[in-house]
Protein backbone atom coordinates (compact mmCIF):
# COMPACT_ATOMS: atom_id res chain seq x y z
CA MET A 1 0.17 0.04 0.11
CA SER A 2 1.47 3.40 -1.09
CA THR A 3 1.60 6.43 1.50
CA PRO A 4 -0.65 9.21 0.18
CA ILE A 5 1.31 12.32 -0.59
CA ARG A 6 0.65 15.13 2.02
CA ILE A 7 0.60 18.64 0.68
CA ASP A 8 0.51 21.37 3.24
CA ALA A 9 -1.62 24.18 1.85
CA ASP A 10 -2.87 27.63 3.10
CA VAL A 11 -6.66 27.45 3.39
CA LYS A 12 -8.44 30.79 2.52
CA LEU A 13 -12.09 31.68 2.95
CA ASP A 14 -13.77 33.43 -0.13
CA SER A 15 -15.33 36.79 0.94
CA LYS A 16 -18.28 36.33 -1.48
CA ILE A 17 -21.36 35.75 0.32
CA LEU A 18 -24.06 33.65 -1.49
CA THR A 19 -27.71 34.88 -1.39
CA ASP A 20 -28.86 31.83 0.73
CA VAL A 21 -25.85 32.43 3.28
CA ALA A 22 -26.77 36.06 3.48
CA GLU A 23 -30.46 35.12 4.11
CA ALA A 24 -29.39 32.81 6.89
CA LEU A 25 -27.33 35.57 8.44
CA GLU A 26 -29.71 38.33 8.15
CA PRO A 27 -31.86 37.59 11.20
CA HIS A 28 -28.76 37.66 13.31
CA ALA A 29 -26.99 40.78 11.77
CA SER A 30 -28.32 43.31 14.32
CA GLU A 31 -27.18 41.15 17.32
CA MET A 32 -23.78 40.32 15.55
CA PHE A 33 -23.35 44.13 15.12
CA LYS A 34 -23.98 44.88 18.76
CA GLN A 35 -21.77 42.13 20.31
CA ARG A 36 -18.31 42.99 19.39
CA GLN A 37 -17.01 39.77 21.04
CA GLY A 38 -20.10 37.67 20.50
CA ARG A 39 -20.05 34.07 19.22
CA TRP A 40 -22.51 32.11 17.16
CA VAL A 41 -22.68 28.32 16.66
CA ALA A 42 -23.53 27.33 13.20
CA VAL A 43 -23.39 24.44 10.79
CA ILE A 44 -21.81 25.14 7.51
CA GLU A 45 -20.97 23.74 4.11
CA LEU A 46 -17.94 24.67 2.36
CA ALA A 47 -17.12 24.44 -1.50
CA HIS A 48 -13.84 24.39 -3.28
CA VAL A 49 -13.47 27.62 -5.32
CA GLU A 50 -9.77 27.97 -6.30
CA ARG A 51 -6.65 25.96 -5.99
CA VAL A 52 -3.23 27.73 -6.50
CA GLN A 53 -0.13 25.42 -6.98
CA PRO A 54 2.89 27.54 -7.16
CA GLY A 55 5.58 26.82 -9.72
CA PRO A 56 8.80 24.99 -8.69
CA ASP A 57 10.66 28.35 -8.67
CA GLU A 58 8.08 30.32 -6.71
CA ASP A 59 8.63 30.79 -2.89
CA LYS A 60 4.90 30.35 -2.23
CA ASP A 61 2.76 27.68 -0.36
CA PRO A 62 0.13 26.02 -2.17
CA SER A 63 -3.43 27.29 -1.35
CA VAL A 64 -7.06 26.47 -1.64
CA LYS A 65 -9.96 28.88 -1.35
CA LEU A 66 -13.20 27.86 0.07
CA ARG A 67 -16.51 29.47 0.08
CA VAL A 68 -19.42 29.09 2.58
CA THR A 69 -22.17 27.61 0.36
CA ASP A 70 -24.68 26.90 3.13
CA LEU A 71 -25.00 28.08 6.76
CA GLU A 72 -27.51 27.70 9.49
CA ILE A 73 -27.04 29.44 12.87
CA ALA A 74 -28.38 27.69 15.97
CA PRO A 75 -31.49 29.46 16.85
CA THR A 76 -31.75 28.39 20.56
CA ALA A 77 -29.40 27.49 23.49
CA ALA A 78 -30.68 23.82 23.01
CA PHE A 79 -29.49 23.71 19.31
CA GLU A 80 -26.16 25.51 20.42
CA ASN A 81 -25.57 22.71 23.02
CA GLU A 82 -26.33 19.98 20.50
CA ILE A 83 -23.93 21.48 17.96
CA ARG A 84 -21.23 22.09 20.60
CA GLN A 85 -21.51 18.49 21.53
CA LEU A 86 -21.24 17.28 18.04
CA LEU A 87 -18.06 19.57 17.66
CA ARG A 88 -16.49 17.93 20.69
CA ASP A 89 -17.32 14.49 19.30
CA LEU A 90 -15.84 15.36 15.89
CA HIS A 91 -12.75 16.95 17.63
CA GLN A 92 -12.20 13.77 19.61
CA ARG A 93 -12.59 11.68 16.59
CA ARG A 94 -10.09 13.65 14.68
CA THR A 95 -7.56 13.87 17.42
CA SER A 96 -7.85 10.26 18.73
CA GLU A 97 -5.75 8.84 15.76
CA GLY A 98 -3.13 6.51 17.20
CA THR A 99 -4.58 6.57 20.69
CA LEU A 100 -6.65 4.02 22.69
CA ASP A 101 -9.72 5.90 21.92
CA GLU A 102 -9.46 5.51 18.18
CA HIS A 103 -11.22 2.08 18.08
CA ALA A 104 -13.98 3.28 20.31
CA ALA A 105 -14.99 6.01 17.94
């Protein structure tokens, strides 16, 4: 079995906001403006927009640009708690590689 090639790349978020995403953000916009250090829990979908692979003589890192294509913000504290639990579960799964927890996931 061959080892996959690992390419470290910079990840950039595209600033273009699609109509559906803007509509999902709109009900929260006033509160977001008021709370300078606020946080909102959301579920998002990202799509590949652009890939930049520098030439062999360029002193740049490869990069990929992603765009938020779908987004929903938790409307209540109960939904926030569920999403935060899911985030913890996903984090544990991602970071458990090579640990005893790996097979429990």
